[in-house]
Amino acid sequence: METVIDRTKWLFHPILIFIFSIVALAMSLVLYIYWYMEVSTGLTEVVQKFDLDPAQFLESETWVVILILSILVGIILIGIFIIFVYNQKILQLYRLQRNFINNFTHELKTPVTSLNLYLETFLKHELPRHDQLKYLEYMVQDIGRLSDNINRILNLAKIESKSYGGEFTVLDLVSTVERFYKNNRQLFQNCELNIYNPSGDSFAYRINLSLFEMLLINLLNNAIMYNESENPEINISFELQNRKLHIRFEDNGIGIEKGEIKKIFRKFYQSGRADNMSAKGSGLGLHLVQSIARIHKGKVIAESKGQGKGSVFTLILPFRS
């Protein structure tokens, strides 16, 4: 019974229907031309046999009609192809959104369940002070996770609606990154973070500070999240190449498979199994990073030598000394 159902589903698969539609339309044109050629041949024989005027039966405009018909069929084929591609992209986006909702619900539900458990423990038991502090620390971490996930959604909405606040100001990017790390050092306590500027030059660039810091936190969180090393390490370096400033974020994390490098910046995309149920995060961090880079007239590219060999994310900005 299941085999019959699977075969029925395959028969109604969009790709198969698309192929059948293209073949049917093309065959219709071929059959029409074939029919016309046969009729034309028959008429030619009749004209020659009875010595009739060919202009009365064989109009030259007929070939023009066939040419126009062929062009129209070609346009229809292109239209069907565009609709098919658009439909496939919508289906892909729907699948990504569904996976995002499933994973994001889990990301929200887990800390809420944890907070509820800790609060019930406080209500039902008299705990020693050191246990209270331990549970309170766990609760603060869970609240931080909730806050991060909610902020990503809100930030994405602001960026896509172009309603983000703050002004663009010319700042030295090296000092900006160093100041960001100094002010948020508590977020990277278990991580070794190094900032290198081999040239010793300052790189003044016009940025929206709040957006740029959002880019930094997402890149750094991503490097820590996808890292199974006992000592996570992130190296940030600045280098000027061909009037472009390259800011490299190199980590010793789990790496990226080649097939996923171009996908990881898509909205809602989460690396993991095909069903994405093993994926981490919300699938919005790197999409936000790329969106912020474009707002600053730049882009972010990803590189990796493979699984377990770390990753390099490079922010490339147009720059003139």
C-alpha atoms as a PDB file:
ATOM      1  CA  MET A   1       0.000   0.000   0.000  1.00  0.00           C
ATOM      2  CA  GLU A   2       2.822   2.398   0.927  1.00  0.00           C
ATOM      3  CA  THR A   3       4.594   1.623  -2.362  1.00  0.00           C
ATOM      4  CA  VAL A   4       1.475   2.595  -4.331  1.00  0.00           C
ATOM      5  CA  ILE A   5       1.175   5.859  -2.366  1.00  0.00           C
ATOM      6  CA  ASP A   6       4.867   6.655  -2.954  1.00  0.00           C
ATOM      7  CA  ARG A   7       4.445   6.072  -6.690  1.00  0.00           C
ATOM      8  CA  THR A   8       1.382   8.324  -6.737  1.00  0.00           C
ATOM      9  CA  LYS A   9       3.326  11.096  -4.958  1.00  0.00           C
ATOM     10  CA  TRP A  10       6.143  10.731  -7.486  1.00  0.00           C
ATOM     11  CA  LEU A  11       3.698  11.093 -10.396  1.00  0.00           C
ATOM     12  CA  PHE A  12       2.491  14.417  -8.982  1.00  0.00           C
ATOM     13  CA  HIS A  13       5.977  15.699  -8.196  1.00  0.00           C
ATOM     14  CA  PRO A  14       6.387  19.337  -9.397  1.00  0.00           C
ATOM     15  CA  ILE A  15       9.537  18.546 -11.397  1.00  0.00           C
ATOM     16  CA  LEU A  16       7.822  15.658 -13.235  1.00  0.00           C
ATOM     17  CA  ILE A  17       4.746  17.789 -13.975  1.00  0.00           C
ATOM     18  CA  PHE A  18       7.015  20.587 -15.231  1.00  0.00           C
ATOM     19  CA  ILE A  19       8.846  18.195 -17.583  1.00  0.00           C
ATOM     20  CA  PHE A  20       5.561  16.737 -18.878  1.00  0.00           C
ATOM     21  CA  SER A  21       4.193  20.253 -19.507  1.00  0.00           C
ATOM     22  CA  ILE A  22       7.298  21.302 -21.455  1.00  0.00           C
ATOM     23  CA  VAL A  23       7.294  18.101 -23.508  1.00  0.00           C
ATOM     24  CA  ALA A  24       3.548  18.377 -24.240  1.00  0.00           C
ATOM     25  CA  LEU A  25       3.850  21.992 -25.391  1.00  0.00           C
ATOM     26  CA  ALA A  26       6.902  21.273 -27.537  1.00  0.00           C
ATOM     27  CA  MET A  27       5.226  18.203 -29.055  1.00  0.00           C
ATOM     28  CA  SER A  28       2.151  20.294 -29.910  1.00  0.00           C
ATOM     29  CA  LEU A  29       4.324  22.717 -31.887  1.00  0.00           C
ATOM     30  CA  VAL A  30       6.194  19.885 -33.623  1.00  0.00           C
ATOM     31  CA  LEU A  31       2.943  18.115 -34.541  1.00  0.00           C
ATOM     32  CA  TYR A  32       1.465  21.347 -35.886  1.00  0.00           C
ATOM     33  CA  ILE A  33       4.515  21.990 -38.090  1.00  0.00           C
ATOM     34  CA  TYR A  34       4.532  18.339 -39.206  1.00  0.00           C
ATOM     35  CA  TRP A  35       0.820  18.534 -40.050  1.00  0.00           C
ATOM     36  CA  TYR A  36       1.346  21.746 -42.007  1.00  0.00           C
ATOM     37  CA  MET A  37       4.252  20.232 -43.960  1.00  0.00           C
ATOM     38  CA  GLU A  38       2.142  17.197 -44.866  1.00  0.00           C
ATOM     39  CA  VAL A  39      -0.790  19.370 -45.958  1.00  0.00           C
ATOM     40  CA  SER A  40       1.541  21.684 -47.873  1.00  0.00           C
ATOM     41  CA  THR A  41       3.101  18.737 -49.694  1.00  0.00           C
ATOM     42  CA  GLY A  42      -0.356  17.438 -50.642  1.00  0.00           C
ATOM     43  CA  LEU A  43      -1.455  20.848 -51.911  1.00  0.00           C
ATOM     44  CA  THR A  44       1.739  21.199 -53.943  1.00  0.00           C
ATOM     45  CA  GLU A  45       1.041  17.893 -55.683  1.00  0.00           C
ATOM     46  CA  VAL A  46      -2.547  18.981 -56.410  1.00  0.00           C
ATOM     47  CA  VAL A  47      -1.349  22.345 -57.817  1.00  0.00           C
ATOM     48  CA  GLN A  48       1.208  20.660 -60.056  1.00  0.00           C
ATOM     49  CA  LYS A  49      -1.244  17.997 -61.208  1.00  0.00           C
ATOM     50  CA  PHE A  50      -4.005  20.402 -62.239  1.00  0.00           C
ATOM     51  CA  ASP A  51      -1.708  23.282 -63.234  1.00  0.00           C
ATOM     52  CA  LEU A  52      -3.298  25.709 -60.766  1.00  0.00           C
ATOM     53  CA  ASP A  53      -2.054  29.056 -59.481  1.00  0.00           C
ATOM     54  CA  PRO A  54       0.136  28.302 -56.376  1.00  0.00           C
ATOM     55  CA  ALA A  55      -0.601  31.734 -54.857  1.00  0.00           C
ATOM     56  CA  GLN A  56      -4.223  30.685 -54.318  1.00  0.00           C
ATOM     57  CA  PHE A  57      -3.232  27.747 -52.111  1.00  0.00           C
ATOM     58  CA  LEU A  58       0.302  28.263 -50.799  1.00  0.00           C
ATOM     59  CA  GLU A  59       0.503  31.618 -49.035  1.00  0.00           C
ATOM     60  CA  SER A  60       4.036  32.701 -48.035  1.00  0.00           C
ATOM     61  CA  GLU A  61       2.558  34.359 -44.956  1.00  0.00           C
ATOM     62  CA  THR A  62       1.949  30.911 -43.507  1.00  0.00           C
ATOM     63  CA  TRP A  63       5.645  30.571 -42.678  1.00  0.00           C
ATOM     64  CA  VAL A  64       5.496  33.911 -40.927  1.00  0.00           C
ATOM     65  CA  VAL A  65       2.588  32.584 -38.862  1.00  0.00           C
ATOM     66  CA  ILE A  66       4.612  29.470 -37.984  1.00  0.00           C
ATOM     67  CA  LEU A  67       7.603  31.633 -37.001  1.00  0.00           C
ATOM     68  CA  ILE A  68       5.426  33.839 -34.782  1.00  0.00           C
ATOM     69  CA  LEU A  69       3.788  30.733 -33.299  1.00  0.00           C
ATOM     70  CA  SER A  70       7.218  29.285 -32.533  1.00  0.00           C
ATOM     71  CA  ILE A  71       8.272  32.527 -30.814  1.00  0.00           C
ATOM     72  CA  LEU A  72       5.070  32.587 -28.749  1.00  0.00           C
ATOM     73  CA  VAL A  73       5.581  28.970 -27.718  1.00  0.00           C
ATOM     74  CA  GLY A  74       9.160  29.842 -26.739  1.00  0.00           C
ATOM     75  CA  ILE A  75       7.901  32.725 -24.612  1.00  0.00           C
ATOM     76  CA  ILE A  76       5.360  30.400 -22.968  1.00  0.00           C
ATOM     77  CA  LEU A  77       8.129  27.876 -22.243  1.00  0.00           C
ATOM     78  CA  ILE A  78      10.284  30.589 -20.666  1.00  0.00           C
ATOM     79  CA  GLY A  79       7.286  31.766 -18.615  1.00  0.00           C
ATOM     80  CA  ILE A  80       6.598  28.237 -17.381  1.00  0.00           C
ATOM     81  CA  PHE A  81      10.275  27.836 -16.458  1.00  0.00           C
ATOM     82  CA  ILE A  82      10.318  31.129 -14.506  1.00  0.00           C
ATOM     83  CA  ILE A  83       7.125  30.182 -12.659  1.00  0.00           C
ATOM     84  CA  PHE A  84       8.604  26.764 -11.866  1.00  0.00           C
ATOM     85  CA  VAL A  85      11.857  28.261 -10.507  1.00  0.00           C
ATOM     86  CA  TYR A  86       9.921  30.836  -8.464  1.00  0.00           C
ATOM     87  CA  ASN A  87       7.652  28.120  -7.079  1.00  0.00           C
ATOM     88  CA  GLN A  88      10.662  25.979  -6.104  1.00  0.00           C
ATOM     89  CA  LYS A  89      12.231  28.941  -4.292  1.00  0.00           C
ATOM     90  CA  ILE A  90       8.980  29.535  -2.404  1.00  0.00           C
ATOM     91  CA  LEU A  91       8.872  25.861  -1.400  1.00  0.00           C
ATOM     92  CA  GLN A  92      12.502  26.039  -0.281  1.00  0.00           C
ATOM     93  CA  LEU A  93      11.798  29.179   1.759  1.00  0.00           C
ATOM     94  CA  TYR A  94       8.755  27.465   3.292  1.00  0.00           C
ATOM     95  CA  ARG A  95      10.886  24.485   4.333  1.00  0.00           C
ATOM     96  CA  LEU A  96      13.535  26.779   5.805  1.00  0.00           C
ATOM     97  CA  GLN A  97      10.887  28.729   7.711  1.00  0.00           C
ATOM     98  CA  ARG A  98       9.340  25.511   9.022  1.00  0.00           C
ATOM     99  CA  ASN A  99      12.751  24.275  10.203  1.00  0.00           C
ATOM    100  CA  PHE A 100      13.437  27.697  11.688  1.00  0.00           C
ATOM    101  CA  ILE A 101      10.145  27.662  13.630  1.00  0.00           C
ATOM    102  CA  ASN A 102      10.840  24.137  14.932  1.00  0.00           C
ATOM    103  CA  ASN A 103      14.379  24.985  16.029  1.00  0.00           C
ATOM    104  CA  PHE A 104      13.584  28.469  17.272  1.00  0.00           C
ATOM    105  CA  THR A 105      10.691  27.109  19.344  1.00  0.00           C
ATOM    106  CA  HIS A 106      13.182  24.694  20.890  1.00  0.00           C
ATOM    107  CA  GLU A 107      15.623  27.572  21.494  1.00  0.00           C
ATOM    108  CA  LEU A 108      12.891  29.470  23.361  1.00  0.00           C
ATOM    109  CA  LYS A 109      11.302  26.529  25.156  1.00  0.00           C
ATOM    110  CA  THR A 110      14.529  25.104  26.607  1.00  0.00           C
ATOM    111  CA  PRO A 111      15.538  28.153  28.720  1.00  0.00           C
ATOM    112  CA  VAL A 112      11.902  28.770  29.745  1.00  0.00           C
ATOM    113  CA  THR A 113      11.598  25.170  30.985  1.00  0.00           C
ATOM    114  CA  SER A 114      14.922  25.514  32.780  1.00  0.00           C
ATOM    115  CA  LEU A 115      13.874  28.779  34.448  1.00  0.00           C
ATOM    116  CA  ASN A 116      10.596  27.245  35.538  1.00  0.00           C
ATOM    117  CA  LEU A 117      12.427  24.299  37.106  1.00  0.00           C
ATOM    118  CA  TYR A 118      14.827  26.540  39.037  1.00  0.00           C
ATOM    119  CA  LEU A 119      11.981  28.769  40.286  1.00  0.00           C
ATOM    120  CA  GLU A 120       9.992  25.740  41.474  1.00  0.00           C
ATOM    121  CA  THR A 121      13.108  24.532  43.293  1.00  0.00           C
ATOM    122  CA  PHE A 122      13.389  27.893  45.065  1.00  0.00           C
ATOM    123  CA  LEU A 123       9.719  27.748  46.071  1.00  0.00           C
ATOM    124  CA  LYS A 124       9.751  24.193  47.403  1.00  0.00           C
ATOM    125  CA  HIS A 125      13.129  24.004  49.113  1.00  0.00           C
ATOM    126  CA  GLU A 126      15.278  26.001  51.479  1.00  0.00           C
ATOM    127  CA  LEU A 127      18.619  26.122  49.682  1.00  0.00           C
ATOM    128  CA  PRO A 128      22.047  27.001  51.059  1.00  0.00           C
ATOM    129  CA  ARG A 129      23.465  30.301  49.857  1.00  0.00           C
ATOM    130  CA  HIS A 130      26.062  28.732  47.528  1.00  0.00           C
ATOM    131  CA  ASP A 131      23.320  26.631  45.843  1.00  0.00           C
ATOM    132  CA  GLN A 132      21.165  29.722  45.459  1.00  0.00           C
ATOM    133  CA  LEU A 133      24.006  31.575  43.757  1.00  0.00           C
ATOM    134  CA  LYS A 134      24.677  28.611  41.458  1.00  0.00           C
ATOM    135  CA  TYR A 135      21.027  28.396  40.357  1.00  0.00           C
ATOM    136  CA  LEU A 136      20.784  32.161  39.966  1.00  0.00           C
ATOM    137  CA  GLU A 137      23.803  32.080  37.671  1.00  0.00           C
ATOM    138  CA  TYR A 138      22.109  29.390  35.557  1.00  0.00           C
ATOM    139  CA  MET A 139      18.956  31.496  35.419  1.00  0.00           C
ATOM    140  CA  VAL A 140      20.892  34.566  34.261  1.00  0.00           C
ATOM    141  CA  GLN A 141      22.456  32.474  31.484  1.00  0.00           C
ATOM    142  CA  ASP A 142      19.029  31.230  30.376  1.00  0.00           C
ATOM    143  CA  ILE A 143      17.655  34.782  30.360  1.00  0.00           C
ATOM    144  CA  GLY A 144      20.644  35.791  28.252  1.00  0.00           C
ATOM    145  CA  ARG A 145      19.845  33.049  25.728  1.00  0.00           C
ATOM    146  CA  LEU A 146      16.227  34.193  25.538  1.00  0.00           C
ATOM    147  CA  SER A 147      17.274  37.803  25.145  1.00  0.00           C
ATOM    148  CA  ASP A 148      19.752  36.978  22.364  1.00  0.00           C
ATOM    149  CA  ASN A 149      17.157  35.039  20.352  1.00  0.00           C
ATOM    150  CA  ILE A 150      14.508  37.732  20.727  1.00  0.00           C
ATOM    151  CA  ASN A 151      17.001  40.458  19.796  1.00  0.00           C
ATOM    152  CA  ARG A 152      17.957  38.613  16.608  1.00  0.00           C
ATOM    153  CA  ILE A 153      14.330  38.582  15.477  1.00  0.00           C
ATOM    154  CA  LEU A 154      13.856  42.264  16.337  1.00  0.00           C
ATOM    155  CA  ASN A 155      17.141  43.265  14.702  1.00  0.00           C
ATOM    156  CA  LEU A 156      16.298  41.371  11.531  1.00  0.00           C
ATOM    157  CA  ALA A 157      12.943  43.148  11.329  1.00  0.00           C
ATOM    158  CA  LYS A 158      14.628  46.539  11.802  1.00  0.00           C
ATOM    159  CA  ILE A 159      17.279  45.864   9.161  1.00  0.00           C
ATOM    160  CA  GLU A 160      14.819  44.564   6.581  1.00  0.00           C
ATOM    161  CA  SER A 161      12.524  47.544   7.138  1.00  0.00           C
ATOM    162  CA  LYS A 162      15.554  49.898   7.137  1.00  0.00           C
ATOM    163  CA  SER A 163      14.398  51.379  10.437  1.00  0.00           C
ATOM    164  CA  TYR A 164      17.594  50.732  12.402  1.00  0.00           C
ATOM    165  CA  GLY A 165      18.620  53.610  14.625  1.00  0.00           C
ATOM    166  CA  GLY A 166      21.920  55.387  15.057  1.00  0.00           C
ATOM    167  CA  GLU A 167      23.990  57.530  12.747  1.00  0.00           C
ATOM    168  CA  PHE A 168      26.921  56.649  10.522  1.00  0.00           C
ATOM    169  CA  THR A 169      30.161  57.975  11.979  1.00  0.00           C
ATOM    170  CA  VAL A 170      33.768  57.750  10.804  1.00  0.00           C
ATOM    171  CA  LEU A 171      35.618  55.583  13.353  1.00  0.00           C
ATOM    172  CA  ASP A 172      38.886  53.679  13.478  1.00  0.00           C
ATOM    173  CA  LEU A 173      37.858  50.044  13.037  1.00  0.00           C
ATOM    174  CA  VAL A 174      40.829  48.598  14.954  1.00  0.00           C
ATOM    175  CA  SER A 175      40.053  50.751  18.001  1.00  0.00           C
ATOM    176  CA  THR A 176      36.338  49.966  17.618  1.00  0.00           C
ATOM    177  CA  VAL A 177      36.946  46.205  17.712  1.00  0.00           C
ATOM    178  CA  GLU A 178      39.388  46.523  20.632  1.00  0.00           C
ATOM    179  CA  ARG A 179      36.925  48.682  22.586  1.00  0.00           C
ATOM    180  CA  PHE A 180      34.085  46.247  21.843  1.00  0.00           C
ATOM    181  CA  TYR A 181      36.152  43.342  23.199  1.00  0.00           C
ATOM    182  CA  LYS A 182      37.155  45.322  26.294  1.00  0.00           C
ATOM    183  CA  ASN A 183      33.545  46.303  27.070  1.00  0.00           C
ATOM    184  CA  ASN A 184      32.219  42.770  26.516  1.00  0.00           C
ATOM    185  CA  ARG A 185      35.091  40.718  27.869  1.00  0.00           C
ATOM    186  CA  GLN A 186      32.708  38.824  30.156  1.00  0.00           C
ATOM    187  CA  LEU A 187      31.097  37.197  27.108  1.00  0.00           C
ATOM    188  CA  PHE A 188      34.404  35.596  26.099  1.00  0.00           C
ATOM    189  CA  GLN A 189      35.783  34.426  29.440  1.00  0.00           C
ATOM    190  CA  ASN A 190      36.360  30.852  28.252  1.00  0.00           C
ATOM    191  CA  CYS A 191      37.744  31.936  24.892  1.00  0.00           C
ATOM    192  CA  GLU A 192      41.145  33.219  23.787  1.00  0.00           C
ATOM    193  CA  LEU A 193      40.585  36.240  21.551  1.00  0.00           C
ATOM    194  CA  ASN A 194      43.504  37.995  19.842  1.00  0.00           C
ATOM    195  CA  ILE A 195      43.444  41.162  17.723  1.00  0.00           C
ATOM    196  CA  TYR A 196      46.265  41.731  15.218  1.00  0.00           C
ATOM    197  CA  ASN A 197      47.069  44.801  13.143  1.00  0.00           C
ATOM    198  CA  PRO A 198      50.455  43.999  11.509  1.00  0.00           C
ATOM    199  CA  SER A 199      50.684  47.302   9.604  1.00  0.00           C
ATOM    200  CA  GLY A 200      50.041  49.416  12.698  1.00  0.00           C
ATOM    201  CA  ASP A 201      47.900  51.743  10.561  1.00  0.00           C
ATOM    202  CA  SER A 202      44.530  53.109  11.592  1.00  0.00           C
ATOM    203  CA  PHE A 203      41.575  52.242   9.376  1.00  0.00           C
ATOM    204  CA  ALA A 204      38.969  54.988   9.576  1.00  0.00           C
ATOM    205  CA  TYR A 205      35.645  53.953   8.066  1.00  0.00           C
ATOM    206  CA  ARG A 206      32.101  55.306   8.114  1.00  0.00           C
ATOM    207  CA  ILE A 207      29.993  52.882  10.180  1.00  0.00           C
ATOM    208  CA  ASN A 208      26.799  52.628  12.151  1.00  0.00           C
ATOM    209  CA  LEU A 209      28.281  51.665  15.515  1.00  0.00           C
ATOM    210  CA  SER A 210      25.274  49.701  16.830  1.00  0.00           C
ATOM    211  CA  LEU A 211      25.016  47.692  13.598  1.00  0.00           C
ATOM    212  CA  PHE A 212      28.768  47.085  13.444  1.00  0.00           C
ATOM    213  CA  GLU A 213      28.786  45.807  17.025  1.00  0.00           C
ATOM    214  CA  MET A 214      25.849  43.565  16.132  1.00  0.00           C
ATOM    215  CA  LEU A 215      27.961  42.139  13.296  1.00  0.00           C
ATOM    216  CA  LEU A 216      30.863  41.527  15.694  1.00  0.00           C
ATOM    217  CA  ILE A 217      28.768  39.793  18.357  1.00  0.00           C
ATOM    218  CA  ASN A 218      27.141  37.493  15.818  1.00  0.00           C
ATOM    219  CA  LEU A 219      30.444  36.502  14.215  1.00  0.00           C
ATOM    220  CA  LEU A 220      32.113  35.899  17.573  1.00  0.00           C
ATOM    221  CA  ASN A 221      29.131  34.013  19.032  1.00  0.00           C
ATOM    222  CA  ASN A 222      29.033  31.864  15.912  1.00  0.00           C
ATOM    223  CA  ALA A 223      32.740  31.033  16.304  1.00  0.00           C
ATOM    224  CA  ILE A 224      32.183  30.004  19.933  1.00  0.00           C
ATOM    225  CA  MET A 225      28.919  28.138  19.348  1.00  0.00           C
ATOM    226  CA  TYR A 226      30.384  25.945  16.608  1.00  0.00           C
ATOM    227  CA  ASN A 227      33.521  25.074  18.547  1.00  0.00           C
ATOM    228  CA  GLU A 228      34.177  21.812  20.368  1.00  0.00           C
ATOM    229  CA  SER A 229      37.707  22.685  21.454  1.00  0.00           C
ATOM    230  CA  GLU A 230      38.579  22.852  25.156  1.00  0.00           C
ATOM    231  CA  ASN A 231      40.179  26.224  24.434  1.00  0.00           C
ATOM    232  CA  PRO A 232      38.195  28.103  21.781  1.00  0.00           C
ATOM    233  CA  GLU A 233      40.443  30.558  19.972  1.00  0.00           C
ATOM    234  CA  ILE A 234      39.512  33.480  17.722  1.00  0.00           C
ATOM    235  CA  ASN A 235      42.066  35.607  15.895  1.00  0.00           C
ATOM    236  CA  ILE A 236      40.950  38.918  14.398  1.00  0.00           C
ATOM    237  CA  SER A 237      43.352  40.498  11.904  1.00  0.00           C
ATOM    238  CA  PHE A 238      43.330  43.621   9.720  1.00  0.00           C
ATOM    239  CA  GLU A 239      44.928  43.722   6.269  1.00  0.00           C
ATOM    240  CA  LEU A 240      44.681  46.136   3.342  1.00  0.00           C
ATOM    241  CA  GLN A 241      44.590  44.490  -0.105  1.00  0.00           C
ATOM    242  CA  ASN A 242      43.978  46.289  -3.407  1.00  0.00           C
ATOM    243  CA  ARG A 243      42.020  49.171  -1.869  1.00  0.00           C
ATOM    244  CA  LYS A 244      39.925  46.752   0.161  1.00  0.00           C
ATOM    245  CA  LEU A 245      40.126  46.272   3.904  1.00  0.00           C
ATOM    246  CA  HIS A 246      40.014  42.607   4.957  1.00  0.00           C
ATOM    247  CA  ILE A 247      38.995  41.932   8.563  1.00  0.00           C
ATOM    248  CA  ARG A 248      39.506  38.213   9.177  1.00  0.00           C
ATOM    249  CA  PHE A 249      37.830  36.269  11.986  1.00  0.00           C
ATOM    250  CA  GLU A 250      39.673  32.959  12.215  1.00  0.00           C
ATOM    251  CA  ASP A 251      38.652  30.252  14.707  1.00  0.00           C
ATOM    252  CA  ASN A 252      39.615  26.702  15.635  1.00  0.00           C
ATOM    253  CA  GLY A 253      36.038  25.417  15.530  1.00  0.00           C
ATOM    254  CA  ILE A 254      34.345  22.494  13.817  1.00  0.00           C
ATOM    255  CA  GLY A 255      34.746  23.956  10.313  1.00  0.00           C
ATOM    256  CA  ILE A 256      32.303  24.097   7.417  1.00  0.00           C
ATOM    257  CA  GLU A 257      31.670  21.568   4.676  1.00  0.00           C
ATOM    258  CA  LYS A 258      32.246  22.893   1.137  1.00  0.00           C
ATOM    259  CA  GLY A 259      28.623  22.295   0.173  1.00  0.00           C
ATOM    260  CA  GLU A 260      27.394  24.563   2.972  1.00  0.00           C
ATOM    261  CA  ILE A 261      29.718  27.551   2.577  1.00  0.00           C
ATOM    262  CA  LYS A 262      27.399  29.340   0.139  1.00  0.00           C
ATOM    263  CA  LYS A 263      24.263  28.414   2.091  1.00  0.00           C
ATOM    264  CA  ILE A 264      25.146  29.571   5.594  1.00  0.00           C
ATOM    265  CA  PHE A 265      24.307  33.236   4.888  1.00  0.00           C
ATOM    266  CA  ARG A 266      20.740  32.418   3.807  1.00  0.00           C
ATOM    267  CA  LYS A 267      17.899  33.509   6.033  1.00  0.00           C
ATOM    268  CA  PHE A 268      16.764  30.696   8.402  1.00  0.00           C
ATOM    269  CA  TYR A 269      19.490  28.325   7.156  1.00  0.00           C
ATOM    270  CA  GLN A 270      21.034  26.162   9.862  1.00  0.00           C
ATOM    271  CA  SER A 271      23.922  23.816   9.219  1.00  0.00           C
ATOM    272  CA  GLY A 272      23.351  20.248  10.338  1.00  0.00           C
ATOM    273  CA  ARG A 273      21.538  17.223   9.002  1.00  0.00           C
ATOM    274  CA  ALA A 274      19.249  17.465   5.999  1.00  0.00           C
ATOM    275  CA  ASP A 275      16.251  17.964   8.289  1.00  0.00           C
ATOM    276  CA  ASN A 276      18.229  20.576  10.269  1.00  0.00           C
ATOM    277  CA  MET A 277      16.938  19.191  13.565  1.00  0.00           C
ATOM    278  CA  SER A 278      20.519  18.857  14.823  1.00  0.00           C
ATOM    279  CA  ALA A 279      21.330  22.450  13.933  1.00  0.00           C
ATOM    280  CA  LYS A 280      22.316  25.045  16.494  1.00  0.00           C
ATOM    281  CA  GLY A 281      21.138  28.610  16.849  1.00  0.00           C
ATOM    282  CA  SER A 282      18.285  30.392  15.134  1.00  0.00           C
ATOM    283  CA  GLY A 283      19.601  30.465  11.565  1.00  0.00           C
ATOM    284  CA  LEU A 284      19.604  34.276  11.573  1.00  0.00           C
ATOM    285  CA  GLY A 285      23.053  35.238  12.892  1.00  0.00           C
ATOM    286  CA  LEU A 286      25.067  34.984   9.668  1.00  0.00           C
ATOM    287  CA  HIS A 287      22.193  36.370   7.603  1.00  0.00           C
ATOM    288  CA  LEU A 288      22.258  39.432   9.865  1.00  0.00           C
ATOM    289  CA  VAL A 289      26.049  39.639   9.455  1.00  0.00           C
ATOM    290  CA  GLN A 290      25.811  39.657   5.654  1.00  0.00           C
ATOM    291  CA  SER A 291      22.954  42.189   5.702  1.00  0.00           C
ATOM    292  CA  ILE A 292      24.935  44.553   7.950  1.00  0.00           C
ATOM    293  CA  ALA A 293      28.027  44.169   5.761  1.00  0.00           C
ATOM    294  CA  ARG A 294      25.989  45.170   2.692  1.00  0.00           C
ATOM    295  CA  ILE A 295      24.594  48.201   4.529  1.00  0.00           C
ATOM    296  CA  HIS A 296      28.260  49.225   4.964  1.00  0.00           C
ATOM    297  CA  LYS A 297      28.918  48.613   1.216  1.00  0.00           C
ATOM    298  CA  GLY A 298      30.886  45.458   1.926  1.00  0.00           C
ATOM    299  CA  LYS A 299      30.410  41.704   2.099  1.00  0.00           C
ATOM    300  CA  VAL A 300      31.386  38.708   4.209  1.00  0.00           C
ATOM    301  CA  ILE A 301      32.907  35.551   2.762  1.00  0.00           C
ATOM    302  CA  ALA A 302      33.472  32.235   4.522  1.00  0.00           C
ATOM    303  CA  GLU A 303      36.332  29.780   4.119  1.00  0.00           C
ATOM    304  CA  SER A 304      37.137  26.434   5.686  1.00  0.00           C
ATOM    305  CA  LYS A 305      39.466  23.525   4.979  1.00  0.00           C
ATOM    306  CA  GLY A 306      36.769  21.095   6.098  1.00  0.00           C
ATOM    307  CA  GLN A 307      35.254  19.505   9.176  1.00  0.00           C
ATOM    308  CA  GLY A 308      37.315  19.972  12.321  1.00  0.00           C
ATOM    309  CA  LYS A 309      39.743  22.416  10.682  1.00  0.00           C
ATOM    310  CA  GLY A 310      38.243  25.706  11.763  1.00  0.00           C
ATOM    311  CA  SER A 311      36.646  28.522   9.782  1.00  0.00           C
ATOM    312  CA  VAL A 312      37.587  31.969   8.533  1.00  0.00           C
ATOM    313  CA  PHE A 313      34.990  34.701   8.048  1.00  0.00           C
ATOM    314  CA  THR A 314      36.339  37.763   6.239  1.00  0.00           C
ATOM    315  CA  LEU A 315      34.598  41.138   6.237  1.00  0.00           C
ATOM    316  CA  ILE A 316      35.658  42.969   3.050  1.00  0.00           C
ATOM    317  CA  LEU A 317      35.109  46.741   2.915  1.00  0.00           C
ATOM    318  CA  PRO A 318      36.051  49.211   0.165  1.00  0.00           C
ATOM    319  CA  PHE A 319      38.859  51.350   1.545  1.00  0.00           C
ATOM    320  CA  ARG A 320      41.149  54.127   0.353  1.00  0.00           C
ATOM    321  CA  SER A 321      44.061  55.323   2.420  1.00  0.00           C
END
